[in-house]
Amino acid sequence: MVEPRSGCPINAAVEVLGDRWSLLVLRDVIFGDRRYFRVLLTGSMEGIASNILADRLVRLVEAGILTRGTAARGQRARYSLTEAGIQTLPIIYALGDWGLHWRSGSGELRSRQQLMRDEGPAFLAQLMDELRVSHLGATPKPHDGPGAFERLNAAYAAERGS
């Protein structure tokens, strides 16, 4: 892991997460469950270049935000969030909440952020628990009703009219 330029915790976080692409890669891993290079590349709404994506994945792995699974010959490596990566969810949520309030965007993409805002901190905690199950192999925690990601996807589908 690379040492930050100063002892300031804000600087240390910005050095890892402060560029546009790292946060968008994390968004796609977290909310799109895109865990393979090709899927991340072709699924990027913003059109990330392959060399930029490769660089950001290396940086996120080196920073301990993602792990890169070992790929057998002919197979693709799968990326997974670490606990540090899962802990970026509240940061990404806060950025999205600011964007929901101050910037325009499409209804279907805004619907998920609105749901997270409406549901509050317990919903974010449930999302993080579900990420721990799918990325870290944690035991699922019992909850009533549909899961958090299932509800996010339903909000998106309802706004799309599908």
N, C-alpha and C. Protein backbone atom coordinates (compact mmCIF):
# COMPACT_ATOMS: atom_id res chain seq x y z
N MET A 1 0.84 -1.17 0.00
CA MET A 1 0.00 0.00 0.00
C MET A 1 0.89 1.24 0.00
N VAL A 2 0.52 2.22 -0.80
CA VAL A 2 1.28 3.46 -0.92
C VAL A 2 0.93 4.36 0.26
N GLU A 3 1.96 4.96 0.84
CA GLU A 3 1.74 5.88 1.96
C GLU A 3 1.19 7.21 1.43
N PRO A 4 0.21 7.81 2.12
CA PRO A 4 -0.31 9.10 1.69
C PRO A 4 0.74 10.21 1.84
N ARG A 5 0.53 11.29 1.10
CA ARG A 5 1.46 12.42 1.11
C ARG A 5 1.49 13.15 2.45
N SER A 6 0.42 13.05 3.22
CA SER A 6 0.40 13.69 4.54
C SER A 6 -0.39 12.79 5.48
N GLY A 7 -0.38 13.16 6.74
CA GLY A 7 -1.11 12.40 7.75
C GLY A 7 -2.58 12.76 7.85
N CYS A 8 -3.04 13.66 7.00
CA CYS A 8 -4.44 14.09 7.04
C CYS A 8 -5.34 12.98 6.53
N PRO A 9 -6.36 12.55 7.30
CA PRO A 9 -7.23 11.47 6.86
C PRO A 9 -8.04 11.83 5.61
N ILE A 10 -8.39 13.10 5.44
CA ILE A 10 -9.12 13.50 4.23
C ILE A 10 -8.22 13.32 3.01
N ASN A 11 -6.96 13.77 3.13
CA ASN A 11 -6.02 13.58 2.04
C ASN A 11 -5.84 12.10 1.73
N ALA A 12 -5.69 11.28 2.76
CA ALA A 12 -5.48 9.84 2.55
C ALA A 12 -6.65 9.22 1.78
N ALA A 13 -7.86 9.63 2.11
CA ALA A 13 -9.05 9.12 1.40
C ALA A 13 -9.11 9.65 -0.02
N VAL A 14 -8.82 10.92 -0.19
CA VAL A 14 -8.88 11.52 -1.53
C VAL A 14 -7.83 10.90 -2.45
N GLU A 15 -6.67 10.56 -1.92
CA GLU A 15 -5.65 9.93 -2.75
C GLU A 15 -6.11 8.59 -3.31
N VAL A 16 -6.98 7.90 -2.61
CA VAL A 16 -7.49 6.61 -3.10
C VAL A 16 -8.79 6.79 -3.89
N LEU A 17 -9.69 7.62 -3.40
CA LEU A 17 -11.04 7.71 -3.97
C LEU A 17 -11.32 8.99 -4.73
N GLY A 18 -10.37 9.92 -4.77
CA GLY A 18 -10.66 11.26 -5.23
C GLY A 18 -10.76 11.49 -6.72
N ASP A 19 -10.47 10.49 -7.53
CA ASP A 19 -10.63 10.72 -8.96
C ASP A 19 -12.00 10.22 -9.41
N ARG A 20 -12.49 10.76 -10.49
CA ARG A 20 -13.82 10.43 -11.00
C ARG A 20 -13.98 8.93 -11.26
N TRP A 21 -13.03 8.33 -11.89
CA TRP A 21 -13.23 6.95 -12.34
C TRP A 21 -13.25 5.94 -11.20
N SER A 22 -12.45 6.12 -10.17
CA SER A 22 -12.45 5.16 -9.06
C SER A 22 -13.83 5.06 -8.43
N LEU A 23 -14.46 6.19 -8.20
CA LEU A 23 -15.80 6.18 -7.60
C LEU A 23 -16.83 5.55 -8.53
N LEU A 24 -16.69 5.78 -9.83
CA LEU A 24 -17.65 5.19 -10.76
C LEU A 24 -17.44 3.68 -10.90
N VAL A 25 -16.20 3.23 -10.84
CA VAL A 25 -15.94 1.79 -10.84
C VAL A 25 -16.56 1.17 -9.60
N LEU A 26 -16.36 1.80 -8.44
CA LEU A 26 -16.97 1.28 -7.21
C LEU A 26 -18.49 1.30 -7.30
N ARG A 27 -19.07 2.36 -7.85
CA ARG A 27 -20.52 2.41 -8.06
C ARG A 27 -20.99 1.21 -8.86
N ASP A 28 -20.28 0.90 -9.95
CA ASP A 28 -20.69 -0.21 -10.80
C ASP A 28 -20.50 -1.57 -10.14
N VAL A 29 -19.47 -1.71 -9.33
CA VAL A 29 -19.28 -2.96 -8.58
C VAL A 29 -20.37 -3.11 -7.53
N ILE A 30 -20.66 -2.02 -6.82
CA ILE A 30 -21.63 -2.07 -5.72
C ILE A 30 -23.06 -2.20 -6.25
N PHE A 31 -23.48 -1.29 -7.10
CA PHE A 31 -24.88 -1.24 -7.49
C PHE A 31 -25.21 -2.05 -8.74
N GLY A 32 -24.21 -2.30 -9.58
CA GLY A 32 -24.45 -3.07 -10.79
C GLY A 32 -23.96 -4.49 -10.72
N ASP A 33 -23.32 -4.84 -9.61
CA ASP A 33 -22.70 -6.16 -9.42
C ASP A 33 -21.83 -6.53 -10.61
N ARG A 34 -21.14 -5.53 -11.15
CA ARG A 34 -20.20 -5.77 -12.26
C ARG A 34 -18.86 -6.09 -11.63
N ARG A 35 -18.40 -7.33 -11.82
CA ARG A 35 -17.22 -7.78 -11.09
C ARG A 35 -16.11 -8.30 -11.99
N TYR A 36 -16.31 -8.20 -13.30
CA TYR A 36 -15.31 -8.63 -14.26
C TYR A 36 -14.92 -7.45 -15.14
N PHE A 37 -13.66 -7.43 -15.58
CA PHE A 37 -13.15 -6.32 -16.36
C PHE A 37 -14.05 -5.99 -17.55
N ARG A 38 -14.35 -6.98 -18.37
CA ARG A 38 -15.14 -6.74 -19.59
C ARG A 38 -16.52 -6.19 -19.25
N VAL A 39 -17.14 -6.70 -18.22
CA VAL A 39 -18.46 -6.23 -17.82
C VAL A 39 -18.40 -4.79 -17.32
N LEU A 40 -17.36 -4.48 -16.57
CA LEU A 40 -17.17 -3.10 -16.12
C LEU A 40 -16.94 -2.16 -17.30
N LEU A 41 -16.18 -2.62 -18.27
CA LEU A 41 -15.84 -1.80 -19.43
C LEU A 41 -17.07 -1.54 -20.29
N THR A 42 -17.81 -2.59 -20.61
CA THR A 42 -18.96 -2.43 -21.51
C THR A 42 -20.19 -1.87 -20.80
N GLY A 43 -20.25 -2.00 -19.47
CA GLY A 43 -21.40 -1.51 -18.73
C GLY A 43 -21.29 -0.08 -18.26
N SER A 44 -20.17 0.55 -18.52
CA SER A 44 -19.96 1.92 -18.05
C SER A 44 -20.78 2.90 -18.86
N MET A 45 -21.73 3.57 -18.21
CA MET A 45 -22.55 4.59 -18.88
C MET A 45 -21.69 5.76 -19.33
N GLU A 46 -20.60 5.98 -18.62
CA GLU A 46 -19.75 7.14 -18.91
C GLU A 46 -18.68 6.84 -19.94
N GLY A 47 -18.54 5.59 -20.36
CA GLY A 47 -17.60 5.24 -21.41
C GLY A 47 -16.15 5.25 -20.97
N ILE A 48 -15.82 4.57 -19.90
CA ILE A 48 -14.44 4.50 -19.43
C ILE A 48 -13.58 3.77 -20.46
N ALA A 49 -12.39 4.26 -20.68
CA ALA A 49 -11.44 3.63 -21.60
C ALA A 49 -10.81 2.42 -20.91
N SER A 50 -10.43 1.42 -21.68
CA SER A 50 -9.90 0.19 -21.10
C SER A 50 -8.62 0.42 -20.31
N ASN A 51 -7.74 1.31 -20.78
CA ASN A 51 -6.51 1.56 -20.04
C ASN A 51 -6.78 2.27 -18.71
N ILE A 52 -7.78 3.15 -18.69
CA ILE A 52 -8.15 3.84 -17.44
C ILE A 52 -8.76 2.83 -16.47
N LEU A 53 -9.65 1.97 -16.96
CA LEU A 53 -10.27 0.96 -16.10
C LEU A 53 -9.20 0.04 -15.51
N ALA A 54 -8.29 -0.44 -16.34
CA ALA A 54 -7.23 -1.32 -15.85
C ALA A 54 -6.42 -0.63 -14.76
N ASP A 55 -6.08 0.63 -14.97
CA ASP A 55 -5.32 1.39 -13.98
C ASP A 55 -6.10 1.55 -12.67
N ARG A 56 -7.38 1.89 -12.77
CA ARG A 56 -8.17 2.10 -11.55
C ARG A 56 -8.36 0.79 -10.78
N LEU A 57 -8.55 -0.30 -11.48
CA LEU A 57 -8.69 -1.59 -10.79
C LEU A 57 -7.41 -1.93 -10.04
N VAL A 58 -6.27 -1.71 -10.67
CA VAL A 58 -4.99 -1.97 -9.99
C VAL A 58 -4.88 -1.08 -8.75
N ARG A 59 -5.19 0.20 -8.89
CA ARG A 59 -5.11 1.13 -7.76
C ARG A 59 -6.03 0.72 -6.62
N LEU A 60 -7.26 0.33 -6.95
CA LEU A 60 -8.23 -0.05 -5.92
C LEU A 60 -7.81 -1.35 -5.22
N VAL A 61 -7.20 -2.26 -5.96
CA VAL A 61 -6.68 -3.49 -5.34
C VAL A 61 -5.50 -3.14 -4.44
N GLU A 62 -4.57 -2.32 -4.93
CA GLU A 62 -3.41 -1.93 -4.12
C GLU A 62 -3.82 -1.18 -2.86
N ALA A 63 -4.90 -0.42 -2.93
CA ALA A 63 -5.38 0.34 -1.77
C ALA A 63 -6.18 -0.52 -0.80
N GLY A 64 -6.46 -1.77 -1.15
CA GLY A 64 -7.21 -2.64 -0.26
C GLY A 64 -8.71 -2.43 -0.32
N ILE A 65 -9.20 -1.81 -1.40
CA ILE A 65 -10.64 -1.56 -1.57
C ILE A 65 -11.30 -2.75 -2.29
N LEU A 66 -10.56 -3.33 -3.23
CA LEU A 66 -11.01 -4.50 -3.98
C LEU A 66 -9.98 -5.61 -3.85
N THR A 67 -10.42 -6.83 -4.07
CA THR A 67 -9.50 -7.95 -4.27
C THR A 67 -9.72 -8.46 -5.69
N ARG A 68 -8.66 -9.01 -6.24
CA ARG A 68 -8.73 -9.60 -7.58
C ARG A 68 -8.55 -11.09 -7.41
N GLY A 69 -9.59 -11.83 -7.77
CA GLY A 69 -9.50 -13.28 -7.67
C GLY A 69 -8.51 -13.82 -8.68
N THR A 70 -7.92 -14.95 -8.34
CA THR A 70 -7.00 -15.57 -9.29
C THR A 70 -7.81 -16.26 -10.37
N ALA A 71 -7.38 -16.06 -11.60
CA ALA A 71 -8.09 -16.63 -12.74
C ALA A 71 -7.27 -17.80 -13.28
N ALA A 72 -7.93 -18.94 -13.41
CA ALA A 72 -7.28 -20.08 -14.05
C ALA A 72 -7.13 -19.76 -15.54
N ARG A 73 -6.28 -20.49 -16.19
CA ARG A 73 -6.05 -20.23 -17.61
C ARG A 73 -7.36 -20.26 -18.38
N GLY A 74 -7.55 -19.21 -19.18
CA GLY A 74 -8.77 -19.11 -19.98
C GLY A 74 -9.95 -18.53 -19.24
N GLN A 75 -9.81 -18.22 -17.97
CA GLN A 75 -10.91 -17.65 -17.20
C GLN A 75 -10.60 -16.20 -16.86
N ARG A 76 -11.65 -15.48 -16.55
CA ARG A 76 -11.52 -14.07 -16.20
C ARG A 76 -11.43 -13.93 -14.68
N ALA A 77 -10.65 -12.95 -14.24
CA ALA A 77 -10.53 -12.67 -12.81
C ALA A 77 -11.76 -11.90 -12.34
N ARG A 78 -12.25 -12.25 -11.18
CA ARG A 78 -13.41 -11.58 -10.60
C ARG A 78 -12.94 -10.68 -9.47
N TYR A 79 -13.46 -9.46 -9.46
CA TYR A 79 -13.14 -8.48 -8.42
C TYR A 79 -14.21 -8.54 -7.35
N SER A 80 -13.76 -8.41 -6.11
CA SER A 80 -14.67 -8.38 -4.97
C SER A 80 -14.31 -7.22 -4.07
N LEU A 81 -15.32 -6.70 -3.41
CA LEU A 81 -15.10 -5.65 -2.42
C LEU A 81 -14.49 -6.25 -1.17
N THR A 82 -13.61 -5.51 -0.54
CA THR A 82 -13.12 -5.85 0.80
C THR A 82 -14.05 -5.14 1.79
N GLU A 83 -13.83 -5.32 3.06
CA GLU A 83 -14.62 -4.57 4.04
C GLU A 83 -14.39 -3.07 3.86
N ALA A 84 -13.15 -2.67 3.55
CA ALA A 84 -12.88 -1.25 3.29
C ALA A 84 -13.67 -0.77 2.08
N GLY A 85 -13.80 -1.62 1.07
CA GLY A 85 -14.60 -1.26 -0.10
C GLY A 85 -16.07 -1.14 0.23
N ILE A 86 -16.58 -2.05 1.04
CA ILE A 86 -17.98 -1.98 1.47
C ILE A 86 -18.23 -0.70 2.26
N GLN A 87 -17.24 -0.29 3.04
CA GLN A 87 -17.37 0.93 3.84
C GLN A 87 -17.36 2.20 3.00
N THR A 88 -17.12 2.10 1.68
CA THR A 88 -17.24 3.27 0.80
C THR A 88 -18.70 3.56 0.46
N LEU A 89 -19.60 2.63 0.72
CA LEU A 89 -21.00 2.84 0.38
C LEU A 89 -21.58 4.13 0.98
N PRO A 90 -21.38 4.43 2.26
CA PRO A 90 -21.91 5.70 2.78
C PRO A 90 -21.31 6.93 2.08
N ILE A 91 -20.07 6.84 1.64
CA ILE A 91 -19.44 7.96 0.92
C ILE A 91 -20.12 8.13 -0.44
N ILE A 92 -20.28 7.03 -1.14
CA ILE A 92 -20.93 7.07 -2.45
C ILE A 92 -22.37 7.53 -2.30
N TYR A 93 -23.05 7.05 -1.26
CA TYR A 93 -24.41 7.49 -0.99
C TYR A 93 -24.45 9.01 -0.78
N ALA A 94 -23.52 9.53 0.03
CA ALA A 94 -23.51 10.97 0.32
C ALA A 94 -23.28 11.78 -0.96
N LEU A 95 -22.41 11.33 -1.82
CA LEU A 95 -22.19 12.02 -3.10
C LEU A 95 -23.46 11.97 -3.95
N GLY A 96 -24.09 10.80 -4.01
CA GLY A 96 -25.33 10.67 -4.77
C GLY A 96 -26.46 11.51 -4.20
N ASP A 97 -26.50 11.62 -2.89
CA ASP A 97 -27.54 12.43 -2.26
C ASP A 97 -27.34 13.91 -2.60
N TRP A 98 -26.10 14.35 -2.59
CA TRP A 98 -25.81 15.73 -3.01
C TRP A 98 -26.24 15.92 -4.46
N GLY A 99 -25.89 14.95 -5.32
CA GLY A 99 -26.27 15.04 -6.73
C GLY A 99 -27.77 15.03 -6.93
N LEU A 100 -28.48 14.25 -6.13
CA LEU A 100 -29.94 14.21 -6.21
C LEU A 100 -30.53 15.57 -5.90
N HIS A 101 -29.96 16.24 -4.92
CA HIS A 101 -30.48 17.54 -4.49
C HIS A 101 -30.08 18.67 -5.43
N TRP A 102 -28.84 18.66 -5.93
CA TRP A 102 -28.29 19.82 -6.63
C TRP A 102 -28.11 19.65 -8.13
N ARG A 103 -28.24 18.46 -8.66
CA ARG A 103 -28.01 18.24 -10.09
C ARG A 103 -29.20 17.53 -10.71
N SER A 104 -29.34 17.66 -12.01
CA SER A 104 -30.43 16.98 -12.71
C SER A 104 -29.94 15.60 -13.15
N GLY A 105 -30.86 14.77 -13.60
CA GLY A 105 -30.51 13.44 -14.07
C GLY A 105 -31.76 12.69 -14.49
N SER A 106 -31.57 11.47 -14.96
CA SER A 106 -32.70 10.68 -15.43
C SER A 106 -33.49 10.10 -14.26
N GLY A 107 -34.78 9.98 -14.46
CA GLY A 107 -35.66 9.49 -13.41
C GLY A 107 -35.31 8.11 -12.92
N GLU A 108 -35.01 7.19 -13.86
CA GLU A 108 -34.72 5.82 -13.42
C GLU A 108 -33.43 5.74 -12.61
N LEU A 109 -32.44 6.54 -12.96
CA LEU A 109 -31.19 6.52 -12.20
C LEU A 109 -31.34 7.25 -10.87
N ARG A 110 -32.16 8.27 -10.83
CA ARG A 110 -32.40 9.02 -9.59
C ARG A 110 -33.28 8.22 -8.62
N SER A 111 -34.09 7.30 -9.13
CA SER A 111 -35.04 6.57 -8.30
C SER A 111 -34.35 5.75 -7.20
N ARG A 112 -33.23 5.15 -7.53
CA ARG A 112 -32.52 4.35 -6.52
C ARG A 112 -31.96 5.23 -5.41
N GLN A 113 -31.40 6.37 -5.80
CA GLN A 113 -30.87 7.30 -4.79
C GLN A 113 -32.00 7.81 -3.91
N GLN A 114 -33.14 8.11 -4.52
CA GLN A 114 -34.29 8.60 -3.76
C GLN A 114 -34.76 7.55 -2.77
N LEU A 115 -34.79 6.30 -3.19
CA LEU A 115 -35.18 5.22 -2.28
C LEU A 115 -34.22 5.14 -1.10
N MET A 116 -32.94 5.21 -1.37
CA MET A 116 -31.96 5.16 -0.27
C MET A 116 -32.15 6.33 0.68
N ARG A 117 -32.42 7.51 0.13
CA ARG A 117 -32.65 8.69 0.96
C ARG A 117 -33.90 8.49 1.81
N ASP A 118 -34.98 8.03 1.19
CA ASP A 118 -36.25 7.84 1.89
C ASP A 118 -36.16 6.78 2.99
N GLU A 119 -35.40 5.73 2.74
CA GLU A 119 -35.31 4.61 3.69
C GLU A 119 -34.34 4.88 4.83
N GLY A 120 -33.34 5.70 4.61
CA GLY A 120 -32.44 6.11 5.67
C GLY A 120 -31.32 5.14 6.01
N PRO A 121 -30.66 5.38 7.15
CA PRO A 121 -29.46 4.63 7.54
C PRO A 121 -29.66 3.12 7.67
N ALA A 122 -30.81 2.68 8.12
CA ALA A 122 -31.03 1.24 8.27
C ALA A 122 -30.97 0.54 6.90
N PHE A 123 -31.44 1.22 5.88
CA PHE A 123 -31.40 0.67 4.53
C PHE A 123 -29.96 0.55 4.05
N LEU A 124 -29.15 1.58 4.30
CA LEU A 124 -27.73 1.51 3.93
C LEU A 124 -27.04 0.37 4.66
N ALA A 125 -27.36 0.18 5.92
CA ALA A 125 -26.78 -0.92 6.69
C ALA A 125 -27.16 -2.26 6.08
N GLN A 126 -28.42 -2.38 5.64
CA GLN A 126 -28.86 -3.62 5.00
C GLN A 126 -28.12 -3.84 3.68
N LEU A 127 -27.93 -2.78 2.90
CA LEU A 127 -27.16 -2.89 1.66
C LEU A 127 -25.74 -3.39 1.95
N MET A 128 -25.13 -2.83 2.98
CA MET A 128 -23.77 -3.23 3.33
C MET A 128 -23.73 -4.70 3.78
N ASP A 129 -24.75 -5.13 4.52
CA ASP A 129 -24.82 -6.53 4.94
C ASP A 129 -24.94 -7.44 3.72
N GLU A 130 -25.76 -7.04 2.74
CA GLU A 130 -25.92 -7.84 1.53
C GLU A 130 -24.62 -7.88 0.71
N LEU A 131 -23.88 -6.78 0.70
CA LEU A 131 -22.58 -6.77 0.02
C LEU A 131 -21.60 -7.72 0.71
N ARG A 132 -21.65 -7.77 2.03
CA ARG A 132 -20.76 -8.69 2.77
C ARG A 132 -21.08 -10.14 2.41
N VAL A 133 -22.33 -10.45 2.19
CA VAL A 133 -22.72 -11.81 1.80
C VAL A 133 -22.15 -12.12 0.42
N SER A 134 -22.38 -11.23 -0.55
CA SER A 134 -21.99 -11.53 -1.93
C SER A 134 -20.49 -11.36 -2.19
N HIS A 135 -19.81 -10.52 -1.46
CA HIS A 135 -18.39 -10.27 -1.72
C HIS A 135 -17.45 -10.94 -0.73
N LEU A 136 -17.90 -11.11 0.50
CA LEU A 136 -17.02 -11.66 1.53
C LEU A 136 -17.46 -13.04 2.01
N GLY A 137 -18.61 -13.51 1.52
CA GLY A 137 -19.09 -14.82 1.94
C GLY A 137 -19.67 -14.85 3.33
N ALA A 138 -20.11 -13.70 3.84
CA ALA A 138 -20.70 -13.63 5.18
C ALA A 138 -22.05 -14.37 5.20
N THR A 139 -22.46 -14.75 6.37
CA THR A 139 -23.76 -15.37 6.55
C THR A 139 -24.84 -14.32 6.44
N PRO A 140 -25.87 -14.57 5.64
CA PRO A 140 -26.95 -13.58 5.51
C PRO A 140 -27.65 -13.32 6.84
N LYS A 141 -27.99 -12.07 7.08
CA LYS A 141 -28.77 -11.71 8.27
C LYS A 141 -30.25 -11.77 7.91
N PRO A 142 -31.06 -12.30 8.82
CA PRO A 142 -32.50 -12.37 8.51
C PRO A 142 -33.13 -10.97 8.49
N HIS A 143 -34.06 -10.79 7.57
CA HIS A 143 -34.82 -9.54 7.51
C HIS A 143 -36.19 -9.84 6.92
N ASP A 144 -37.12 -8.95 7.19
CA ASP A 144 -38.47 -9.12 6.68
C ASP A 144 -38.56 -8.53 5.28
N GLY A 145 -39.30 -9.19 4.43
CA GLY A 145 -39.58 -8.64 3.11
C GLY A 145 -38.42 -8.78 2.14
N PRO A 146 -38.54 -8.10 1.01
CA PRO A 146 -37.50 -8.18 -0.02
C PRO A 146 -36.20 -7.53 0.46
N GLY A 147 -35.08 -7.98 -0.09
CA GLY A 147 -33.79 -7.44 0.25
C GLY A 147 -33.60 -6.03 -0.28
N ALA A 148 -32.58 -5.37 0.21
CA ALA A 148 -32.32 -3.99 -0.17
C ALA A 148 -32.01 -3.86 -1.66
N PHE A 149 -31.16 -4.73 -2.19
CA PHE A 149 -30.84 -4.65 -3.61
C PHE A 149 -32.05 -5.00 -4.47
N GLU A 150 -32.85 -5.93 -4.01
CA GLU A 150 -34.09 -6.26 -4.72
C GLU A 150 -35.01 -5.04 -4.78
N ARG A 151 -35.08 -4.29 -3.70
CA ARG A 151 -35.92 -3.08 -3.67
C ARG A 151 -35.35 -1.97 -4.56
N LEU A 152 -34.02 -1.83 -4.59
CA LEU A 152 -33.40 -0.85 -5.48
C LEU A 152 -33.70 -1.18 -6.94
N ASN A 153 -33.56 -2.44 -7.29
CA ASN A 153 -33.83 -2.86 -8.66
C ASN A 153 -35.30 -2.68 -9.03
N ALA A 154 -36.19 -2.92 -8.08
CA ALA A 154 -37.62 -2.73 -8.32
C ALA A 154 -37.94 -1.25 -8.54
N ALA A 155 -37.31 -0.37 -7.78
CA ALA A 155 -37.52 1.08 -7.94
C ALA A 155 -37.06 1.52 -9.32
N TYR A 156 -35.92 1.01 -9.75
CA TYR A 156 -35.38 1.34 -11.07
C TYR A 156 -36.31 0.83 -12.17
N ALA A 157 -36.75 -0.42 -12.04
CA ALA A 157 -37.64 -1.02 -13.05
C ALA A 157 -38.97 -0.28 -13.11
N ALA A 158 -39.50 0.11 -11.97
CA ALA A 158 -40.78 0.82 -11.94
C ALA A 158 -40.66 2.17 -12.65
N GLU A 159 -39.54 2.84 -12.44
CA GLU A 159 -39.34 4.15 -13.09
C GLU A 159 -39.14 4.01 -14.59
N ARG A 160 -38.51 2.91 -14.98
CA ARG A 160 -38.29 2.63 -16.42
C ARG A 160 -39.57 2.18 -17.10
N GLY A 161 -40.52 1.71 -16.30
CA GLY A 161 -41.76 1.20 -16.86
C GLY A 161 -41.65 -0.23 -17.37
N SER A 162 -40.65 -0.96 -16.80
CA SER A 162 -40.49 -2.36 -17.24
C SER A 162 -40.98 -3.34 -16.24
